[in-house]
PDB file of N, CA and C in Angstrom:
ATOM      1  N   MET A   1     -17.317   8.150  21.095  1.00  0.00           N
ATOM      2  CA  MET A   1     -17.570   6.912  20.306  1.00  0.00           C
ATOM      3  C   MET A   1     -16.190   6.337  19.901  1.00  0.00           C
ATOM      4  N   LYS A   2     -15.990   5.221  20.298  1.00  0.00           N
ATOM      5  CA  LYS A   2     -14.604   4.543  20.004  1.00  0.00           C
ATOM      6  C   LYS A   2     -14.514   4.063  18.549  1.00  0.00           C
ATOM      7  N   GLN A   3     -13.538   4.495  17.839  1.00  0.00           N
ATOM      8  CA  GLN A   3     -13.312   4.192  16.578  1.00  0.00           C
ATOM      9  C   GLN A   3     -12.671   2.809  16.380  1.00  0.00           C
ATOM     10  N   SER A   4     -13.323   2.054  15.431  1.00  0.00           N
ATOM     11  CA  SER A   4     -12.809   0.691  15.219  1.00  0.00           C
ATOM     12  C   SER A   4     -11.378   0.571  14.338  1.00  0.00           C
ATOM     13  N   GLN A   5     -10.727  -0.317  14.642  1.00  0.00           N
ATOM     14  CA  GLN A   5      -9.391  -0.571  13.810  1.00  0.00           C
ATOM     15  C   GLN A   5      -9.752  -0.855  12.445  1.00  0.00           C
ATOM     16  N   PRO A   6      -8.943  -0.490  11.489  1.00  0.00           N
ATOM     17  CA  PRO A   6      -9.048  -0.768  10.135  1.00  0.00           C
ATOM     18  C   PRO A   6      -8.928  -2.215  10.011  1.00  0.00           C
ATOM     19  N   SER A   7      -9.436  -2.917   9.127  1.00  0.00           N
ATOM     20  CA  SER A   7      -9.208  -4.284   8.743  1.00  0.00           C
ATOM     21  C   SER A   7      -8.027  -4.540   8.047  1.00  0.00           C
ATOM     22  N   CYS A   8      -7.594  -5.690   8.105  1.00  0.00           N
ATOM     23  CA  CYS A   8      -6.259  -6.067   7.577  1.00  0.00           C
ATOM     24  C   CYS A   8      -6.541  -6.976   6.401  1.00  0.00           C
ATOM     25  N   GLN A   9      -5.918  -6.873   5.330  1.00  0.00           N
ATOM     26  CA  GLN A   9      -6.019  -7.576   4.152  1.00  0.00           C
ATOM     27  C   GLN A   9      -4.977  -8.611   4.133  1.00  0.00           C
ATOM     28  N   ILE A  10      -5.495  -9.963   4.271  1.00  0.00           N
ATOM     29  CA  ILE A  10      -4.719 -11.049   4.296  1.00  0.00           C
ATOM     30  C   ILE A  10      -4.895 -11.963   3.084  1.00  0.00           C
ATOM     31  N   GLN A  11      -3.824 -12.162   2.338  1.00  0.00           N
ATOM     32  CA  GLN A  11      -3.927 -12.977   1.199  1.00  0.00           C
ATOM     33  C   GLN A  11      -3.120 -14.251   1.192  1.00  0.00           C
ATOM     34  N   PHE A  12      -3.779 -15.317   0.864  1.00  0.00           N
ATOM     35  CA  PHE A  12      -3.036 -16.618   0.822  1.00  0.00           C
ATOM     36  C   PHE A  12      -2.908 -16.967  -0.731  1.00  0.00           C
ATOM     37  N   ARG A  13      -1.627 -17.251  -0.980  1.00  0.00           N
ATOM     38  CA  ARG A  13      -1.374 -17.574  -2.348  1.00  0.00           C
ATOM     39  C   ARG A  13      -0.890 -18.876  -2.428  1.00  0.00           C
ATOM     40  N   HIS A  14      -1.348 -19.681  -3.437  1.00  0.00           N
ATOM     41  CA  HIS A  14      -1.042 -21.234  -3.630  1.00  0.00           C
ATOM     42  C   HIS A  14      -1.172 -21.989  -2.442  1.00  0.00           C
ATOM     43  N   MET A  15      -2.098 -21.639  -1.527  1.00  0.00           N
ATOM     44  CA  MET A  15      -2.450 -22.548  -0.451  1.00  0.00           C
ATOM     45  C   MET A  15      -3.833 -22.129  -0.001  1.00  0.00           C
ATOM     46  N   PRO A  16      -4.440 -23.006   0.731  1.00  0.00           N
ATOM     47  CA  PRO A  16      -5.745 -22.828   1.323  1.00  0.00           C
ATOM     48  C   PRO A  16      -5.775 -21.694   2.372  1.00  0.00           C
ATOM     49  N   LYS A  17      -6.864 -21.069   2.542  1.00  0.00           N
ATOM     50  CA  LYS A  17      -6.890 -20.000   3.712  1.00  0.00           C
ATOM     51  C   LYS A  17      -6.935 -20.787   5.029  1.00  0.00           C
ATOM     52  N   LEU A  18      -6.086 -20.344   5.962  1.00  0.00           N
ATOM     53  CA  LEU A  18      -5.958 -21.013   7.284  1.00  0.00           C
ATOM     54  C   LEU A  18      -6.546 -19.929   8.219  1.00  0.00           C
ATOM     55  N   ASN A  19      -7.649 -20.482   8.995  1.00  0.00           N
ATOM     56  CA  ASN A  19      -8.368 -19.658   9.953  1.00  0.00           C
ATOM     57  C   ASN A  19      -7.229 -19.294  11.079  1.00  0.00           C
ATOM     58  N   MET A  20      -6.438 -20.238  11.460  1.00  0.00           N
ATOM     59  CA  MET A  20      -5.569 -20.016  12.640  1.00  0.00           C
ATOM     60  C   MET A  20      -4.503 -18.893  12.100  1.00  0.00           C
ATOM     61  N   MET A  21      -4.158 -18.946  10.928  1.00  0.00           N
ATOM     62  CA  MET A  21      -3.254 -17.912  10.494  1.00  0.00           C
ATOM     63  C   MET A  21      -3.795 -16.578  10.527  1.00  0.00           C
ATOM     64  N   HIS A  22      -5.108 -16.467  10.162  1.00  0.00           N
ATOM     65  CA  HIS A  22      -5.812 -15.143  10.057  1.00  0.00           C
ATOM     66  C   HIS A  22      -5.829 -14.715  11.559  1.00  0.00           C
ATOM     67  N   GLN A  23      -6.177 -15.542  12.633  1.00  0.00           N
ATOM     68  CA  GLN A  23      -6.310 -15.289  13.928  1.00  0.00           C
ATOM     69  C   GLN A  23      -4.791 -14.784  14.562  1.00  0.00           C
ATOM     70  N   LEU A  24      -3.830 -15.434  14.164  1.00  0.00           N
ATOM     71  CA  LEU A  24      -2.458 -15.027  14.381  1.00  0.00           C
ATOM     72  C   LEU A  24      -2.018 -13.580  14.052  1.00  0.00           C
ATOM     73  N   VAL A  25      -2.498 -13.338  12.783  1.00  0.00           N
ATOM     74  CA  VAL A  25      -2.150 -11.979  12.191  1.00  0.00           C
ATOM     75  C   VAL A  25      -2.953 -10.883  12.961  1.00  0.00           C
ATOM     76  N   MET A  26      -4.297 -11.129  13.369  1.00  0.00           N
ATOM     77  CA  MET A  26      -5.047 -10.251  14.095  1.00  0.00           C
ATOM     78  C   MET A  26      -4.429 -10.022  15.402  1.00  0.00           C
ATOM     79  N   GLN A  27      -3.998 -11.124  16.095  1.00  0.00           N
ATOM     80  CA  GLN A  27      -3.459 -11.097  17.459  1.00  0.00           C
ATOM     81  C   GLN A  27      -2.096 -10.190  17.172  1.00  0.00           C
ATOM     82  N   GLN A  28      -1.243 -10.388  16.502  1.00  0.00           N
ATOM     83  CA  GLN A  28      -0.025  -9.563  16.204  1.00  0.00           C
ATOM     84  C   GLN A  28      -0.244  -8.184  15.963  1.00  0.00           C
ATOM     85  N   LEU A  29      -1.429  -7.767  15.250  1.00  0.00           N
ATOM     86  CA  LEU A  29      -1.890  -6.519  14.972  1.00  0.00           C
ATOM     87  C   LEU A  29      -2.247  -5.647  16.231  1.00  0.00           C
ATOM     88  N   LYS A  30      -2.676  -6.538  17.447  1.00  0.00           N
ATOM     89  CA  LYS A  30      -2.931  -5.797  18.584  1.00  0.00           C
ATOM     90  C   LYS A  30      -1.781  -4.977  19.185  1.00  0.00           C
ATOM     91  N   ARG A  31      -0.518  -5.351  18.791  1.00  0.00           N
ATOM     92  CA  ARG A  31       0.679  -4.674  19.313  1.00  0.00           C
ATOM     93  C   ARG A  31       0.830  -3.318  18.704  1.00  0.00           C
ATOM     94  N   PHE A  32       0.100  -3.069  17.557  1.00  0.00           N
ATOM     95  CA  PHE A  32       0.177  -1.833  16.833  1.00  0.00           C
ATOM     96  C   PHE A  32      -1.225  -1.125  16.920  1.00  0.00           C
ATOM     97  N   ALA A  33      -1.443  -0.340  17.950  1.00  0.00           N
ATOM     98  CA  ALA A  33      -2.705   0.192  18.203  1.00  0.00           C
ATOM     99  C   ALA A  33      -3.165   1.267  17.236  1.00  0.00           C
ATOM    100  N   ASP A  34      -2.187   1.840  16.556  1.00  0.00           N
ATOM    101  CA  ASP A  34      -2.526   3.101  15.739  1.00  0.00           C
ATOM    102  C   ASP A  34      -2.325   2.866  14.224  1.00  0.00           C
ATOM    103  N   TYR A  35      -2.309   1.612  13.792  1.00  0.00           N
ATOM    104  CA  TYR A  35      -2.056   1.452  12.374  1.00  0.00           C
ATOM    105  C   TYR A  35      -3.200   1.921  11.578  1.00  0.00           C
ATOM    106  N   SER A  36      -3.017   2.326  10.261  1.00  0.00           N
ATOM    107  CA  SER A  36      -4.116   2.745   9.416  1.00  0.00           C
ATOM    108  C   SER A  36      -4.321   1.829   8.379  1.00  0.00           C
ATOM    109  N   ARG A  37      -3.335   1.002   7.903  1.00  0.00           N
ATOM    110  CA  ARG A  37      -3.492   0.085   6.844  1.00  0.00           C
ATOM    111  C   ARG A  37      -2.574  -1.152   7.019  1.00  0.00           C
ATOM    112  N   CYS A  38      -3.025  -2.306   6.685  1.00  0.00           N
ATOM    113  CA  CYS A  38      -2.313  -3.502   6.952  1.00  0.00           C
ATOM    114  C   CYS A  38      -2.527  -4.480   5.675  1.00  0.00           C
ATOM    115  N   GLU A  39      -1.436  -4.968   5.218  1.00  0.00           N
ATOM    116  CA  GLU A  39      -1.470  -6.032   4.046  1.00  0.00           C
ATOM    117  C   GLU A  39      -0.556  -7.106   4.519  1.00  0.00           C
ATOM    118  N   VAL A  40      -1.027  -8.289   4.505  1.00  0.00           N
ATOM    119  CA  VAL A  40      -0.334  -9.438   4.694  1.00  0.00           C
ATOM    120  C   VAL A  40      -0.339 -10.471   3.573  1.00  0.00           C
ATOM    121  N   VAL A  41       0.667 -10.973   3.051  1.00  0.00           N
ATOM    122  CA  VAL A  41       0.651 -11.939   1.935  1.00  0.00           C
ATOM    123  C   VAL A  41       1.450 -13.136   2.443  1.00  0.00           C
ATOM    124  N   ILE A  42       0.772 -14.312   2.369  1.00  0.00           N
ATOM    125  CA  ILE A  42       1.328 -15.541   2.751  1.00  0.00           C
ATOM    126  C   ILE A  42       1.339 -16.449   1.509  1.00  0.00           C
ATOM    127  N   ASP A  43       2.561 -16.747   1.023  1.00  0.00           N
ATOM    128  CA  ASP A  43       2.710 -17.402  -0.277  1.00  0.00           C
ATOM    129  C   ASP A  43       3.438 -18.693  -0.155  1.00  0.00           C
ATOM    130  N   GLU A  44       2.785 -19.686  -0.532  1.00  0.00           N
ATOM    131  CA  GLU A  44       3.417 -21.086  -0.498  1.00  0.00           C
ATOM    132  C   GLU A  44       3.829 -21.527  -1.934  1.00  0.00           C
ATOM    133  N   SER A  45       5.099 -21.584  -2.212  1.00  0.00           N
ATOM    134  CA  SER A  45       5.623 -22.116  -3.490  1.00  0.00           C
ATOM    135  C   SER A  45       6.137 -23.364  -3.526  1.00  0.00           C
ATOM    136  N   ARG A  46       5.712 -24.268  -4.244  1.00  0.00           N
ATOM    137  CA  ARG A  46       6.218 -25.614  -4.129  1.00  0.00           C
ATOM    138  C   ARG A  46       7.372 -25.776  -5.078  1.00  0.00           C
ATOM    139  N   HIS A  47       8.581 -26.197  -4.581  1.00  0.00           N
ATOM    140  CA  HIS A  47       9.724 -26.639  -5.284  1.00  0.00           C
ATOM    141  C   HIS A  47      10.178 -28.030  -4.937  1.00  0.00           C
ATOM    142  N   GLY A  48       9.851 -28.942  -5.802  1.00  0.00           N
ATOM    143  CA  GLY A  48       9.959 -30.313  -5.477  1.00  0.00           C
ATOM    144  C   GLY A  48       9.133 -30.816  -4.482  1.00  0.00           C
ATOM    145  N   ARG A  49       9.520 -31.478  -3.429  1.00  0.00           N
ATOM    146  CA  ARG A  49       8.710 -31.911  -2.288  1.00  0.00           C
ATOM    147  C   ARG A  49       8.461 -30.947  -1.263  1.00  0.00           C
ATOM    148  N   SER A  50       9.375 -30.024  -0.918  1.00  0.00           N
ATOM    149  CA  SER A  50       9.272 -29.229   0.252  1.00  0.00           C
ATOM    150  C   SER A  50       8.452 -27.891  -0.148  1.00  0.00           C
ATOM    151  N   GLY A  51       7.803 -27.330   0.677  1.00  0.00           N
ATOM    152  CA  GLY A  51       7.143 -26.086   0.329  1.00  0.00           C
ATOM    153  C   GLY A  51       8.064 -24.822   0.999  1.00  0.00           C
ATOM    154  N   ILE A  52       8.029 -23.779   0.242  1.00  0.00           N
ATOM    155  CA  ILE A  52       8.768 -22.525   0.674  1.00  0.00           C
ATOM    156  C   ILE A  52       7.647 -21.560   0.960  1.00  0.00           C
ATOM    157  N   TYR A  53       7.730 -20.948   2.009  1.00  0.00           N
ATOM    158  CA  TYR A  53       6.764 -19.863   2.379  1.00  0.00           C
ATOM    159  C   TYR A  53       7.244 -18.734   2.456  1.00  0.00           C
ATOM    160  N   ASP A  54       6.885 -17.646   1.863  1.00  0.00           N
ATOM    161  CA  ASP A  54       7.172 -16.279   1.839  1.00  0.00           C
ATOM    162  C   ASP A  54       6.043 -15.360   2.510  1.00  0.00           C
ATOM    163  N   ILE A  55       6.438 -14.661   3.553  1.00  0.00           N
ATOM    164  CA  ILE A  55       5.526 -13.797   4.329  1.00  0.00           C
ATOM    165  C   ILE A  55       5.985 -12.420   4.060  1.00  0.00           C
ATOM    166  N   SER A  56       4.961 -11.517   3.623  1.00  0.00           N
ATOM    167  CA  SER A  56       5.275 -10.267   3.432  1.00  0.00           C
ATOM    168  C   SER A  56       4.238  -9.381   4.249  1.00  0.00           C
ATOM    169  N   VAL A  57       4.566  -8.597   5.082  1.00  0.00           N
ATOM    170  CA  VAL A  57       3.764  -7.521   5.916  1.00  0.00           C
ATOM    171  C   VAL A  57       4.016  -6.269   5.596  1.00  0.00           C
ATOM    172  N   ARG A  58       2.950  -5.490   5.244  1.00  0.00           N
ATOM    173  CA  ARG A  58       3.146  -3.937   5.077  1.00  0.00           C
ATOM    174  C   ARG A  58       2.213  -3.292   6.023  1.00  0.00           C
ATOM    175  N   LEU A  59       2.591  -2.420   6.855  1.00  0.00           N
ATOM    176  CA  LEU A  59       1.889  -1.830   7.864  1.00  0.00           C
ATOM    177  C   LEU A  59       2.033  -0.245   7.750  1.00  0.00           C
ATOM    178  N   SER A  60       0.929   0.404   7.701  1.00  0.00           N
ATOM    179  CA  SER A  60       1.125   1.895   7.614  1.00  0.00           C
ATOM    180  C   SER A  60       0.559   2.418   9.014  1.00  0.00           C
ATOM    181  N   ILE A  61       1.376   3.356   9.404  1.00  0.00           N
ATOM    182  CA  ILE A  61       1.022   4.126  10.678  1.00  0.00           C
ATOM    183  C   ILE A  61       0.790   5.611  10.569  1.00  0.00           C
ATOM    184  N   PRO A  62      -0.195   6.253  10.883  1.00  0.00           N
ATOM    185  CA  PRO A  62      -0.321   7.677  10.606  1.00  0.00           C
ATOM    186  C   PRO A  62       0.872   8.407  11.087  1.00  0.00           C
ATOM    187  N   GLY A  63       1.289   9.368  10.325  1.00  0.00           N
ATOM    188  CA  GLY A  63       2.561  10.136  10.700  1.00  0.00           C
ATOM    189  C   GLY A  63       3.822   9.516  10.667  1.00  0.00           C
ATOM    190  N   GLU A  64       3.757   8.335  10.226  1.00  0.00           N
ATOM    191  CA  GLU A  64       4.995   7.422   9.987  1.00  0.00           C
ATOM    192  C   GLU A  64       5.061   6.975   8.530  1.00  0.00           C
ATOM    193  N   ARG A  65       6.233   6.349   8.140  1.00  0.00           N
ATOM    194  CA  ARG A  65       6.183   5.784   6.907  1.00  0.00           C
ATOM    195  C   ARG A  65       5.688   4.422   6.844  1.00  0.00           C
ATOM    196  N   LEU A  66       5.506   3.842   5.904  1.00  0.00           N
ATOM    197  CA  LEU A  66       5.027   2.432   5.632  1.00  0.00           C
ATOM    198  C   LEU A  66       6.107   1.559   6.066  1.00  0.00           C
ATOM    199  N   TYR A  67       5.860   0.543   7.019  1.00  0.00           N
ATOM    200  CA  TYR A  67       6.809  -0.388   7.572  1.00  0.00           C
ATOM    201  C   TYR A  67       6.545  -1.734   6.808  1.00  0.00           C
ATOM    202  N   ALA A  68       7.526  -2.241   6.332  1.00  0.00           N
ATOM    203  CA  ALA A  68       7.422  -3.598   5.622  1.00  0.00           C
ATOM    204  C   ALA A  68       8.444  -4.573   6.232  1.00  0.00           C
ATOM    205  N   ALA A  69       8.044  -5.936   6.094  1.00  0.00           N
ATOM    206  CA  ALA A  69       9.004  -6.965   6.655  1.00  0.00           C
ATOM    207  C   ALA A  69       8.736  -8.087   5.568  1.00  0.00           C
ATOM    208  N   HIS A  70       9.712  -8.860   5.364  1.00  0.00           N
ATOM    209  CA  HIS A  70       9.577 -10.075   4.539  1.00  0.00           C
ATOM    210  C   HIS A  70      10.541 -11.250   5.041  1.00  0.00           C
ATOM    211  N   VAL A  71       9.797 -12.326   5.323  1.00  0.00           N
ATOM    212  CA  VAL A  71      10.399 -13.437   5.922  1.00  0.00           C
ATOM    213  C   VAL A  71      10.042 -14.733   5.190  1.00  0.00           C
ATOM    214  N   SER A  72      11.115 -15.571   4.905  1.00  0.00           N
ATOM    215  CA  SER A  72      10.897 -16.709   4.245  1.00  0.00           C
ATOM    216  C   SER A  72      11.152 -17.913   5.188  1.00  0.00           C
ATOM    217  N   GLU A  73      10.400 -18.868   4.966  1.00  0.00           N
ATOM    218  CA  GLU A  73      10.377 -20.068   5.806  1.00  0.00           C
ATOM    219  C   GLU A  73      10.672 -21.251   4.750  1.00  0.00           C
ATOM    220  N   THR A  74      11.784 -21.987   4.858  1.00  0.00           N
ATOM    221  CA  THR A  74      12.047 -23.010   3.966  1.00  0.00           C
ATOM    222  C   THR A  74      12.137 -24.428   4.588  1.00  0.00           C
ATOM    223  N   SER A  75      11.544 -24.549   5.765  1.00  0.00           N
ATOM    224  CA  SER A  75      11.621 -25.910   6.320  1.00  0.00           C
ATOM    225  C   SER A  75      10.615 -26.883   5.741  1.00  0.00           C
ATOM    226  N   GLY A  76       9.773 -26.473   4.928  1.00  0.00           N
ATOM    227  CA  GLY A  76       8.852 -27.301   4.235  1.00  0.00           C
ATOM    228  C   GLY A  76       7.663 -27.720   5.002  1.00  0.00           C
ATOM    229  N   THR A  77       7.369 -27.256   6.186  1.00  0.00           N
ATOM    230  CA  THR A  77       6.177 -27.628   6.922  1.00  0.00           C
ATOM    231  C   THR A  77       5.508 -26.474   7.293  1.00  0.00           C
ATOM    232  N   ARG A  78       4.237 -26.380   7.400  1.00  0.00           N
ATOM    233  CA  ARG A  78       3.288 -25.441   7.816  1.00  0.00           C
ATOM    234  C   ARG A  78       3.580 -24.919   9.250  1.00  0.00           C
ATOM    235  N   ASP A  79       3.896 -25.862  10.035  1.00  0.00           N
ATOM    236  CA  ASP A  79       4.059 -25.478  11.485  1.00  0.00           C
ATOM    237  C   ASP A  79       4.989 -24.360  11.686  1.00  0.00           C
ATOM    238  N   PHE A  80       6.044 -24.174  10.902  1.00  0.00           N
ATOM    239  CA  PHE A  80       7.005 -23.165  11.047  1.00  0.00           C
ATOM    240  C   PHE A  80       6.608 -21.855  10.379  1.00  0.00           C
ATOM    241  N   VAL A  81       5.554 -21.932   9.505  1.00  0.00           N
ATOM    242  CA  VAL A  81       5.092 -20.575   8.901  1.00  0.00           C
ATOM    243  C   VAL A  81       4.583 -19.713   9.981  1.00  0.00           C
ATOM    244  N   TYR A  82       3.976 -20.212  11.173  1.00  0.00           N
ATOM    245  CA  TYR A  82       3.359 -19.336  12.131  1.00  0.00           C
ATOM    246  C   TYR A  82       4.524 -18.540  12.785  1.00  0.00           C
ATOM    247  N   GLY A  83       5.697 -19.204  13.054  1.00  0.00           N
ATOM    248  CA  GLY A  83       6.708 -18.457  13.600  1.00  0.00           C
ATOM    249  C   GLY A  83       7.305 -17.316  12.639  1.00  0.00           C
ATOM    250  N   ALA A  84       7.273 -17.597  11.403  1.00  0.00           N
ATOM    251  CA  ALA A  84       7.598 -16.742  10.279  1.00  0.00           C
ATOM    252  C   ALA A  84       6.832 -15.395  10.494  1.00  0.00           C
ATOM    253  N   VAL A  85       5.457 -15.606  10.476  1.00  0.00           N
ATOM    254  CA  VAL A  85       4.680 -14.546  10.623  1.00  0.00           C
ATOM    255  C   VAL A  85       4.799 -13.534  11.880  1.00  0.00           C
ATOM    256  N   SER A  86       5.002 -14.181  12.828  1.00  0.00           N
ATOM    257  CA  SER A  86       5.387 -13.568  14.093  1.00  0.00           C
ATOM    258  C   SER A  86       6.689 -12.829  13.952  1.00  0.00           C
ATOM    259  N   SER A  87       7.692 -13.461  13.259  1.00  0.00           N
ATOM    260  CA  SER A  87       8.987 -12.860  13.093  1.00  0.00           C
ATOM    261  C   SER A  87       8.812 -11.602  12.245  1.00  0.00           C
ATOM    262  N   ALA A  88       7.941 -11.542  11.214  1.00  0.00           N
ATOM    263  CA  ALA A  88       7.780 -10.454  10.311  1.00  0.00           C
ATOM    264  C   ALA A  88       7.195  -9.266  11.149  1.00  0.00           C
ATOM    265  N   PHE A  89       6.183  -9.484  12.063  1.00  0.00           N
ATOM    266  CA  PHE A  89       5.725  -8.554  12.942  1.00  0.00           C
ATOM    267  C   PHE A  89       6.657  -8.038  13.832  1.00  0.00           C
ATOM    268  N   ASP A  90       7.528  -8.838  14.425  1.00  0.00           N
ATOM    269  CA  ASP A  90       8.615  -8.566  15.319  1.00  0.00           C
ATOM    270  C   ASP A  90       9.593  -7.549  14.612  1.00  0.00           C
ATOM    271  N   ASP A  91       9.872  -7.826  13.344  1.00  0.00           N
ATOM    272  CA  ASP A  91      10.760  -6.891  12.478  1.00  0.00           C
ATOM    273  C   ASP A  91      10.086  -5.555  12.456  1.00  0.00           C
ATOM    274  N   ILE A  92       8.986  -5.289  12.219  1.00  0.00           N
ATOM    275  CA  ILE A  92       8.126  -4.141  12.073  1.00  0.00           C
ATOM    276  C   ILE A  92       8.342  -3.330  13.393  1.00  0.00           C
ATOM    277  N   LYS A  93       8.097  -4.145  14.410  1.00  0.00           N
ATOM    278  CA  LYS A  93       7.997  -3.527  15.746  1.00  0.00           C
ATOM    279  C   LYS A  93       9.441  -2.950  16.040  1.00  0.00           C
ATOM    280  N   ARG A  94      10.506  -3.642  15.759  1.00  0.00           N
ATOM    281  CA  ARG A  94      11.889  -3.055  15.881  1.00  0.00           C
ATOM    282  C   ARG A  94      12.110  -1.858  14.994  1.00  0.00           C
ATOM    283  N   GLN A  95      11.666  -1.812  13.786  1.00  0.00           N
ATOM    284  CA  GLN A  95      11.847  -0.639  12.890  1.00  0.00           C
ATOM    285  C   GLN A  95      11.098   0.628  13.560  1.00  0.00           C
ATOM    286  N   LEU A  96       9.854   0.332  14.020  1.00  0.00           N
ATOM    287  CA  LEU A  96       9.141   1.439  14.563  1.00  0.00           C
ATOM    288  C   LEU A  96       9.815   1.910  15.946  1.00  0.00           C
ATOM    289  N   VAL A  97      10.320   1.037  16.926  1.00  0.00           N
ATOM    290  CA  VAL A  97      10.918   1.485  18.068  1.00  0.00           C
ATOM    291  C   VAL A  97      12.221   2.349  17.652  1.00  0.00           C
ATOM    292  N   LYS A  98      12.935   1.734  16.704  1.00  0.00           N
ATOM    293  CA  LYS A  98      14.178   2.490  16.373  1.00  0.00           C
ATOM    294  C   LYS A  98      13.855   3.890  15.731  1.00  0.00           C
ATOM    295  N   LYS A  99      12.845   3.883  14.869  1.00  0.00           N
ATOM    296  CA  LYS A  99      12.547   5.301  14.341  1.00  0.00           C
ATOM    297  C   LYS A  99      12.080   6.238  15.369  1.00  0.00           C
ATOM    298  N   ARG A 100      11.219   5.776  16.310  1.00  0.00           N
ATOM    299  CA  ARG A 100      10.809   6.559  17.341  1.00  0.00           C
ATOM    300  C   ARG A 100      11.900   7.099  18.284  1.00  0.00           C
ATOM    301  N   GLY A 101      12.803   6.080  18.429  1.00  0.00           N
ATOM    302  CA  GLY A 101      13.912   6.534  19.359  1.00  0.00           C
ATOM    303  C   GLY A 101      14.707   7.432  18.701  1.00  0.00           C
ATOM    304  N   ARG A 102      14.955   7.465  17.391  1.00  0.00           N
ATOM    305  CA  ARG A 102      15.669   8.492  16.687  1.00  0.00           C
ATOM    306  C   ARG A 102      14.961   9.859  16.674  1.00  0.00           C
ATOM    307  N   LYS A 103      13.741   9.835  16.703  1.00  0.00           N
ATOM    308  CA  LYS A 103      12.852  11.122  16.884  1.00  0.00           C
ATOM    309  C   LYS A 103      13.080  11.691  18.207  1.00  0.00           C
ATOM    310  N   GLN A 104      13.023  10.864  19.245  1.00  0.00           N
ATOM    311  CA  GLN A 104      13.244  11.402  20.559  1.00  0.00           C
ATOM    312  C   GLN A 104      14.725  11.937  20.805  1.00  0.00           C
ATOM    313  N   ARG A 105      15.685  11.362  20.303  1.00  0.00           N
ATOM    314  CA  ARG A 105      17.001  11.925  20.363  1.00  0.00           C
ATOM    315  C   ARG A 105      17.182  13.151  19.670  1.00  0.00           C
ATOM    316  N   ARG A 106      16.539  13.262  18.483  1.00  0.00           N
ATOM    317  CA  ARG A 106      16.480  14.539  17.723  1.00  0.00           C
ATOM    318  C   ARG A 106      15.902  15.734  18.499  1.00  0.00           C
ATOM    319  N   HIS A 107      14.706  15.355  19.225  1.00  0.00           N
ATOM    320  CA  HIS A 107      13.978  16.399  19.942  1.00  0.00           C
ATOM    321  C   HIS A 107      14.840  16.850  21.069  1.00  0.00           C
ATOM    322  N   HIS A 108      15.451  15.835  21.707  1.00  0.00           N
ATOM    323  CA  HIS A 108      16.350  16.099  22.847  1.00  0.00           C
ATOM    324  C   HIS A 108      17.519  16.938  22.491  1.00  0.00           C
ATOM    325  N   ASP A 109      18.206  16.771  21.327  1.00  0.00           N
ATOM    326  CA  ASP A 109      19.312  17.433  20.882  1.00  0.00           C
ATOM    327  C   ASP A 109      18.917  19.004  20.491  1.00  0.00           C
ATOM    328  N   LEU A 110      17.727  19.086  20.011  1.00  0.00           N
ATOM    329  CA  LEU A 110      17.111  20.444  19.758  1.00  0.00           C
ATOM    330  C   LEU A 110      16.886  21.243  21.030  1.00  0.00           C
ATOM    331  N   LEU A 111      16.368  20.593  22.135  1.00  0.00           N
ATOM    332  CA  LEU A 111      16.129  21.294  23.324  1.00  0.00           C
ATOM    333  C   LEU A 111      17.494  21.612  24.021  1.00  0.00           C
ATOM    334  N   ILE A 112      18.472  20.847  23.840  1.00  0.00           N
ATOM    335  CA  ILE A 112      19.824  21.179  24.506  1.00  0.00           C
ATOM    336  C   ILE A 112      20.435  22.436  23.709  1.00  0.00           C
ATOM    337  N   GLU A 113      20.265  22.486  22.314  1.00  0.00           N
ATOM    338  CA  GLU A 113      20.711  23.570  21.560  1.00  0.00           C
ATOM    339  C   GLU A 113      20.051  24.808  21.894  1.00  0.00           C
ATOM    340  N   GLN A 114      18.823  24.762  22.247  1.00  0.00           N
ATOM    341  CA  GLN A 114      18.055  25.929  22.450  1.00  0.00           C
ATOM    342  C   GLN A 114      18.400  26.558  23.797  1.00  0.00           C
ATOM    343  N   PHE A 115      18.702  25.668  24.785  1.00  0.00           N
ATOM    344  CA  PHE A 115      19.030  26.150  26.143  1.00  0.00           C
ATOM    345  C   PHE A 115      20.481  26.486  26.129  1.00  0.00           C
ATOM    346  N   ALA A 116      21.360  26.010  25.313  1.00  0.00           N
ATOM    347  CA  ALA A 116      22.766  26.385  25.272  1.00  0.00           C
ATOM    348  C   ALA A 116      22.933  27.852  24.583  1.00  0.00           C
ATOM    349  N   ALA A 117      21.982  28.183  23.666  1.00  0.00           N
ATOM    350  CA  ALA A 117      22.181  29.440  22.903  1.00  0.00           C
ATOM    351  C   ALA A 117      21.822  30.643  23.724  1.00  0.00           C
TER     352      ALA A 117
END
């Protein structure tokens, strides 16, 4: 029996809930097949006429630490907030690849030490 993915908690602060944004987050999560918890906060703060968007993503992967990314979009338009969400998930993917690469190098170094002894 196939286990379903855990849901992702998406919060919209100081702005209406955007269905397209929810779809974008779910699409980005497909890149992480093994996550156990996901929290996304999209916050629009108004400063004068232009909107400032803060995007925070926290993703937990079993056997790994919690990965987090924070991106700000200061253009003042909602069109660019979609790119900021993608950028936050890109940051998490880079963190994960970097950490897994370090683990593989450590494992490789241990094997070399064992054969050298």
